[in-house]
Amino acid sequence: QVQLLESGGGLVQAGGSLRLSCAASGRTFNTYAMAWFRQAPGKEREFVSAINGGGEITFYADSVKGRFTISRDNAKNTVFLHVSSLKPEDTAVYYCAAGSVPGSNWRSFAYWGQGTQVTVSS
């Protein structure tokens, strides 16, 4: 069982940046692939980024490549998403997820946090 808690969201102007954090419980954090998804009002959940257990392999949605960076600190049981050059269309609730395989399919992730709101003003 893994419990996830996101933080770091907020209101930011277009072009700004934030660092989202996701703290995980448990002693086997480095065995889990981690990912970030987001969901805007009235839209489906959307893959943002994923990272493997060791942190060597990362994946990004095309819409965020070059602007977002995923990383993890296994000693601190935490995964990060640094979001920069933000656009109004990045506005969404951002969710952290843990699973066995890094990828873009949300069904591959068994554990989810409650989300953190990111709002980008134009």
Protein backbone atom coordinates (compact mmCIF):
# COMPACT_ATOMS: atom_id res chain seq x y z
CA GLN A 1 0.00 0.00 0.00
CA VAL A 2 1.29 3.44 -0.95
CA GLN A 3 -0.13 6.75 0.14
CA LEU A 4 0.64 9.83 -1.92
CA LEU A 5 0.37 13.50 -1.01
CA GLU A 6 0.87 16.24 -3.56
CA SER A 7 1.84 19.84 -2.82
CA GLY A 8 3.20 22.90 -4.58
CA GLY A 9 0.27 23.95 -6.72
CA GLY A 10 -1.00 27.50 -6.88
CA LEU A 11 -1.92 30.49 -8.98
CA VAL A 12 0.77 31.68 -11.38
CA GLN A 13 0.91 34.02 -14.34
CA ALA A 14 1.52 32.71 -17.84
CA GLY A 15 5.22 32.15 -18.37
CA GLY A 16 5.79 31.39 -14.71
CA SER A 17 6.91 28.20 -13.02
CA LEU A 18 6.15 25.97 -10.07
CA ARG A 19 7.60 22.86 -8.50
CA LEU A 20 5.07 20.19 -7.64
CA SER A 21 6.01 17.58 -5.07
CA CYS A 22 4.53 14.21 -4.24
CA ALA A 23 5.53 12.56 -0.97
CA ALA A 24 4.99 8.81 -0.70
CA SER A 25 4.65 6.55 2.31
CA GLY A 26 6.27 3.14 2.58
CA ARG A 27 9.73 1.63 2.38
CA THR A 28 9.61 0.38 -1.22
CA PHE A 29 9.27 3.69 -3.03
CA ASN A 30 12.14 2.96 -5.39
CA THR A 31 10.32 -0.09 -6.75
CA TYR A 32 7.44 2.02 -8.07
CA ALA A 33 7.18 3.86 -11.32
CA MET A 34 5.73 7.29 -10.70
CA ALA A 35 3.71 9.56 -12.92
CA TRP A 36 1.87 12.84 -13.08
CA PHE A 37 -1.51 13.21 -14.70
CA ARG A 38 -3.77 16.22 -14.88
CA GLN A 39 -7.45 16.88 -15.31
CA ALA A 40 -9.06 20.16 -16.28
CA PRO A 41 -12.76 20.86 -15.67
CA GLY A 42 -14.91 19.09 -18.21
CA LYS A 43 -11.96 17.22 -19.70
CA GLU A 44 -10.60 13.71 -19.40
CA ARG A 45 -7.60 12.81 -17.28
CA GLU A 46 -4.44 13.47 -19.27
CA PHE A 47 -0.97 11.97 -19.00
CA VAL A 48 1.77 14.49 -18.25
CA SER A 49 4.97 12.64 -17.35
CA ALA A 50 6.34 9.41 -15.87
CA ILE A 51 9.60 8.13 -14.42
CA ASN A 52 10.89 4.65 -13.64
CA GLY A 53 11.87 3.45 -10.19
CA GLY A 54 15.55 4.30 -10.51
CA GLY A 55 14.92 7.67 -12.09
CA GLU A 56 16.88 6.96 -15.28
CA ILE A 57 13.98 6.77 -17.71
CA THR A 58 11.43 9.51 -18.22
CA PHE A 59 8.43 10.06 -20.47
CA TYR A 60 6.58 13.24 -21.36
CA ALA A 61 3.42 14.19 -23.16
CA ASP A 62 4.16 16.14 -26.32
CA SER A 63 2.28 19.13 -24.93
CA VAL A 64 4.76 19.55 -22.05
CA LYS A 65 8.07 18.44 -23.56
CA GLY A 66 10.76 21.04 -23.03
CA ARG A 67 8.70 22.84 -20.37
CA PHE A 68 8.15 20.23 -17.63
CA THR A 69 10.76 18.08 -15.90
CA ILE A 70 10.06 15.04 -13.74
CA SER A 71 12.55 13.81 -11.16
CA ARG A 72 12.60 11.76 -7.99
CA ASP A 73 14.55 11.53 -4.75
CA ASN A 74 14.27 7.96 -3.54
CA ALA A 75 16.03 8.76 -0.29
CA LYS A 76 13.17 11.14 0.52
CA ASN A 77 10.35 9.10 -1.05
CA THR A 78 9.43 12.08 -3.20
CA VAL A 79 8.78 12.72 -6.86
CA PHE A 80 8.83 16.19 -8.35
CA LEU A 81 7.41 17.90 -11.38
CA HIS A 82 9.03 21.19 -12.28
CA VAL A 83 6.64 23.07 -14.53
CA SER A 84 7.84 26.13 -16.40
CA SER A 85 6.78 28.40 -19.27
CA LEU A 86 3.26 27.80 -18.05
CA LYS A 87 0.30 28.47 -20.30
CA PRO A 88 -3.37 29.00 -19.40
CA GLU A 89 -4.12 25.61 -20.95
CA ASP A 90 -1.92 23.98 -18.29
CA THR A 91 -4.58 24.88 -15.73
CA ALA A 92 -5.77 21.64 -14.10
CA VAL A 93 -5.66 19.51 -11.01
CA TYR A 94 -2.36 17.64 -11.09
CA TYR A 95 -2.34 14.11 -9.69
CA CYS A 96 0.59 11.97 -8.64
CA ALA A 97 0.33 8.21 -9.24
CA ALA A 98 2.38 5.10 -8.40
CA GLY A 99 2.45 1.86 -10.34
CA SER A 100 4.58 -0.98 -11.62
CA VAL A 101 5.40 0.27 -15.11
CA PRO A 102 6.14 3.83 -16.25
CA GLY A 103 3.87 4.90 -19.07
CA SER A 104 0.98 7.04 -20.19
CA ASN A 105 -1.93 4.72 -19.40
CA TRP A 106 -3.58 5.80 -16.17
CA ARG A 107 -4.95 2.28 -15.70
CA SER A 108 -1.40 1.06 -15.05
CA PHE A 109 -1.21 3.06 -11.85
CA ALA A 110 -2.80 1.61 -8.74
CA TYR A 111 -2.19 4.39 -6.25
CA TRP A 112 -3.23 8.03 -6.54
CA GLY A 113 -2.93 11.20 -4.56
CA GLN A 114 -5.74 13.68 -4.07
CA GLY A 115 -4.29 16.26 -6.42
CA THR A 116 -2.99 19.80 -6.32
CA GLN A 117 -4.54 22.68 -8.26
CA VAL A 118 -2.46 24.62 -10.76
CA THR A 119 -4.07 27.74 -12.17
CA VAL A 120 -2.33 29.79 -14.86
CA SER A 121 -3.65 33.27 -15.53
CA SER A 122 -3.18 35.00 -18.88
